[in-house]
Amino acid sequence: MLIILEILGFLICLNSGIRLLFAVSVYAGLKGANKWTAQGEQVEINNVNLKKAVNTLRTNAILLVVGGILIFIGENYSH
């Protein structure tokens, strides 16, 4: 039963880790775009997308921790 938790934790970590890498690159790109954009409307659009990127970062970081906890439980209590 606990091996299922371990496998589930591994899959969650793998999935959220990959998404976290993409979210970090989007976040960095939007931060850089805000520095060089002169039009006010484009900055507002970038700020909305920046908030979405921050929420994605937060969600995937939480999922990464949850997956790590599941792996920890599966490793330590399955024996």
N, C-alpha and C. Protein backbone atom coordinates (compact mmCIF):
# COMPACT_ATOMS: atom_id res chain seq x y z
N MET A 1 0.82 -1.20 0.00
CA MET A 1 0.00 0.00 0.00
C MET A 1 0.86 1.26 0.00
N LEU A 2 1.92 1.27 0.81
CA LEU A 2 2.74 2.47 0.89
C LEU A 2 3.62 2.65 -0.33
N ILE A 3 3.86 1.57 -1.07
CA ILE A 3 4.62 1.72 -2.32
C ILE A 3 3.82 2.54 -3.33
N ILE A 4 2.49 2.44 -3.25
CA ILE A 4 1.63 3.25 -4.12
C ILE A 4 1.80 4.72 -3.78
N LEU A 5 1.88 5.04 -2.48
CA LEU A 5 2.12 6.43 -2.07
C LEU A 5 3.45 6.94 -2.59
N GLU A 6 4.46 6.08 -2.53
CA GLU A 6 5.79 6.47 -3.00
C GLU A 6 5.79 6.74 -4.50
N ILE A 7 5.15 5.87 -5.26
CA ILE A 7 5.07 6.06 -6.71
C ILE A 7 4.27 7.31 -7.04
N LEU A 8 3.16 7.51 -6.33
CA LEU A 8 2.35 8.70 -6.54
C LEU A 8 3.14 9.96 -6.22
N GLY A 9 3.89 9.94 -5.13
CA GLY A 9 4.73 11.08 -4.77
C GLY A 9 5.78 11.37 -5.82
N PHE A 10 6.38 10.30 -6.36
CA PHE A 10 7.38 10.48 -7.41
C PHE A 10 6.77 11.12 -8.65
N LEU A 11 5.59 10.65 -9.05
CA LEU A 11 4.93 11.21 -10.23
C LEU A 11 4.53 12.67 -10.01
N ILE A 12 4.05 12.98 -8.81
CA ILE A 12 3.70 14.37 -8.49
C ILE A 12 4.94 15.25 -8.54
N CYS A 13 6.04 14.78 -7.96
CA CYS A 13 7.29 15.56 -7.97
C CYS A 13 7.79 15.77 -9.39
N LEU A 14 7.73 14.74 -10.20
CA LEU A 14 8.21 14.84 -11.57
C LEU A 14 7.37 15.85 -12.36
N ASN A 15 6.07 15.73 -12.26
CA ASN A 15 5.16 16.60 -12.99
C ASN A 15 5.30 18.05 -12.53
N SER A 16 5.25 18.28 -11.22
CA SER A 16 5.31 19.66 -10.73
C SER A 16 6.69 20.26 -10.91
N GLY A 17 7.74 19.44 -10.89
CA GLY A 17 9.08 19.96 -11.12
C GLY A 17 9.25 20.48 -12.53
N ILE A 18 8.73 19.75 -13.51
CA ILE A 18 8.81 20.20 -14.90
C ILE A 18 7.98 21.47 -15.09
N ARG A 19 6.78 21.49 -14.52
CA ARG A 19 5.94 22.69 -14.63
C ARG A 19 6.58 23.88 -13.93
N LEU A 20 7.28 23.62 -12.83
CA LEU A 20 7.95 24.68 -12.10
C LEU A 20 9.05 25.31 -12.95
N LEU A 21 9.79 24.50 -13.68
CA LEU A 21 10.83 25.04 -14.56
C LEU A 21 10.23 25.95 -15.64
N PHE A 22 9.12 25.52 -16.24
CA PHE A 22 8.48 26.35 -17.25
C PHE A 22 7.92 27.63 -16.64
N ALA A 23 7.33 27.53 -15.46
CA ALA A 23 6.76 28.71 -14.81
C ALA A 23 7.84 29.72 -14.45
N VAL A 24 9.01 29.24 -14.03
CA VAL A 24 10.11 30.15 -13.70
C VAL A 24 10.58 30.88 -14.95
N SER A 25 10.66 30.18 -16.08
CA SER A 25 11.10 30.84 -17.30
C SER A 25 10.08 31.87 -17.78
N VAL A 26 8.79 31.57 -17.66
CA VAL A 26 7.75 32.54 -18.02
C VAL A 26 7.82 33.75 -17.10
N TYR A 27 7.99 33.51 -15.81
CA TYR A 27 8.08 34.60 -14.83
C TYR A 27 9.27 35.50 -15.15
N ALA A 28 10.42 34.90 -15.43
CA ALA A 28 11.61 35.70 -15.73
C ALA A 28 11.43 36.49 -17.02
N GLY A 29 10.81 35.88 -18.01
CA GLY A 29 10.56 36.59 -19.27
C GLY A 29 9.63 37.77 -19.09
N LEU A 30 8.58 37.59 -18.29
CA LEU A 30 7.64 38.70 -18.07
C LEU A 30 8.27 39.81 -17.25
N LYS A 31 9.10 39.46 -16.27
CA LYS A 31 9.80 40.49 -15.49
C LYS A 31 10.72 41.30 -16.40
N GLY A 32 11.42 40.62 -17.29
CA GLY A 32 12.30 41.32 -18.23
C GLY A 32 11.52 42.16 -19.22
N ALA A 33 10.36 41.66 -19.66
CA ALA A 33 9.54 42.41 -20.62
C ALA A 33 8.99 43.68 -20.00
N ASN A 34 8.67 43.66 -18.72
CA ASN A 34 8.15 44.86 -18.07
C ASN A 34 9.19 45.96 -18.02
N LYS A 35 10.46 45.61 -17.94
CA LYS A 35 11.50 46.63 -17.88
C LYS A 35 11.66 47.36 -19.21
N TRP A 36 11.39 46.67 -20.31
CA TRP A 36 11.67 47.25 -21.62
C TRP A 36 10.42 47.69 -22.37
N THR A 37 9.23 47.51 -21.80
CA THR A 37 7.99 47.86 -22.49
C THR A 37 7.60 49.29 -22.17
N ALA A 38 7.29 50.06 -23.22
CA ALA A 38 6.94 51.47 -23.03
C ALA A 38 5.43 51.68 -22.97
N GLN A 39 4.65 50.85 -23.65
CA GLN A 39 3.21 51.06 -23.68
C GLN A 39 2.58 50.62 -22.36
N GLY A 40 1.69 51.46 -21.85
CA GLY A 40 1.05 51.17 -20.57
C GLY A 40 0.13 49.96 -20.63
N GLU A 41 -0.58 49.80 -21.76
CA GLU A 41 -1.52 48.69 -21.89
C GLU A 41 -0.78 47.35 -21.86
N GLN A 42 0.36 47.29 -22.54
CA GLN A 42 1.13 46.05 -22.56
C GLN A 42 1.67 45.71 -21.18
N VAL A 43 2.04 46.73 -20.41
CA VAL A 43 2.53 46.49 -19.04
C VAL A 43 1.41 45.91 -18.18
N GLU A 44 0.17 46.41 -18.37
CA GLU A 44 -0.97 45.87 -17.61
C GLU A 44 -1.21 44.40 -17.96
N ILE A 45 -1.13 44.08 -19.25
CA ILE A 45 -1.31 42.69 -19.68
C ILE A 45 -0.20 41.83 -19.08
N ASN A 46 1.03 42.35 -19.11
CA ASN A 46 2.15 41.61 -18.54
C ASN A 46 1.98 41.41 -17.04
N ASN A 47 1.42 42.42 -16.35
CA ASN A 47 1.23 42.29 -14.91
C ASN A 47 0.18 41.23 -14.58
N VAL A 48 -0.87 41.14 -15.38
CA VAL A 48 -1.88 40.09 -15.18
C VAL A 48 -1.25 38.72 -15.40
N ASN A 49 -0.47 38.59 -16.47
CA ASN A 49 0.20 37.32 -16.73
C ASN A 49 1.24 37.01 -15.67
N LEU A 50 1.86 38.05 -15.11
CA LEU A 50 2.84 37.86 -14.05
C LEU A 50 2.18 37.30 -12.79
N LYS A 51 0.98 37.79 -12.48
CA LYS A 51 0.25 37.26 -11.32
C LYS A 51 -0.12 35.79 -11.54
N LYS A 52 -0.50 35.45 -12.78
CA LYS A 52 -0.80 34.04 -13.08
C LYS A 52 0.45 33.18 -12.93
N ALA A 53 1.59 33.71 -13.38
CA ALA A 53 2.85 32.96 -13.28
C ALA A 53 3.23 32.75 -11.82
N VAL A 54 3.02 33.77 -10.98
CA VAL A 54 3.34 33.64 -9.55
C VAL A 54 2.44 32.60 -8.90
N ASN A 55 1.15 32.60 -9.26
CA ASN A 55 0.23 31.60 -8.72
C ASN A 55 0.63 30.19 -9.16
N THR A 56 1.06 30.06 -10.41
CA THR A 56 1.52 28.76 -10.90
C THR A 56 2.77 28.31 -10.16
N LEU A 57 3.69 29.25 -9.93
CA LEU A 57 4.90 28.93 -9.16
C LEU A 57 4.55 28.43 -7.77
N ARG A 58 3.64 29.13 -7.11
CA ARG A 58 3.25 28.78 -5.76
C ARG A 58 2.59 27.40 -5.72
N THR A 59 1.67 27.16 -6.64
CA THR A 59 0.96 25.88 -6.69
C THR A 59 1.92 24.72 -6.93
N ASN A 60 2.84 24.89 -7.88
CA ASN A 60 3.76 23.79 -8.20
C ASN A 60 4.78 23.58 -7.10
N ALA A 61 5.17 24.64 -6.40
CA ALA A 61 6.08 24.46 -5.26
C ALA A 61 5.40 23.67 -4.15
N ILE A 62 4.12 23.96 -3.91
CA ILE A 62 3.36 23.21 -2.90
C ILE A 62 3.22 21.75 -3.31
N LEU A 63 2.93 21.51 -4.59
CA LEU A 63 2.81 20.13 -5.07
C LEU A 63 4.13 19.38 -4.96
N LEU A 64 5.24 20.08 -5.19
CA LEU A 64 6.55 19.46 -5.06
C LEU A 64 6.80 19.02 -3.62
N VAL A 65 6.41 19.86 -2.67
CA VAL A 65 6.57 19.51 -1.25
C VAL A 65 5.66 18.34 -0.89
N VAL A 66 4.43 18.35 -1.36
CA VAL A 66 3.50 17.25 -1.08
C VAL A 66 4.03 15.94 -1.65
N GLY A 67 4.55 15.99 -2.87
CA GLY A 67 5.14 14.78 -3.46
C GLY A 67 6.33 14.29 -2.66
N GLY A 68 7.15 15.21 -2.18
CA GLY A 68 8.29 14.82 -1.35
C GLY A 68 7.86 14.18 -0.04
N ILE A 69 6.80 14.69 0.55
CA ILE A 69 6.28 14.11 1.79
C ILE A 69 5.75 12.70 1.54
N LEU A 70 5.06 12.51 0.41
CA LEU A 70 4.56 11.17 0.07
C LEU A 70 5.70 10.19 -0.15
N ILE A 71 6.77 10.64 -0.82
CA ILE A 71 7.94 9.77 -1.00
C ILE A 71 8.56 9.43 0.35
N PHE A 72 8.67 10.43 1.22
CA PHE A 72 9.24 10.22 2.56
C PHE A 72 8.43 9.19 3.35
N ILE A 73 7.12 9.33 3.33
CA ILE A 73 6.25 8.39 4.05
C ILE A 73 6.39 6.99 3.45
N GLY A 74 6.39 6.91 2.12
CA GLY A 74 6.51 5.61 1.48
C GLY A 74 7.84 4.93 1.76
N GLU A 75 8.92 5.71 1.81
CA GLU A 75 10.25 5.13 2.08
C GLU A 75 10.39 4.68 3.53
N ASN A 76 9.96 5.51 4.46
CA ASN A 76 10.24 5.25 5.87
C ASN A 76 9.29 4.26 6.52
N TYR A 77 8.06 4.21 6.07
CA TYR A 77 7.09 3.37 6.77
C TYR A 77 6.67 2.13 5.99
N SER A 78 7.32 1.87 4.86
CA SER A 78 6.93 0.68 4.08
C SER A 78 7.66 -0.57 4.54
N HIS A 79 8.66 -0.45 5.38
CA HIS A 79 9.44 -1.62 5.80
C HIS A 79 8.88 -2.25 7.05
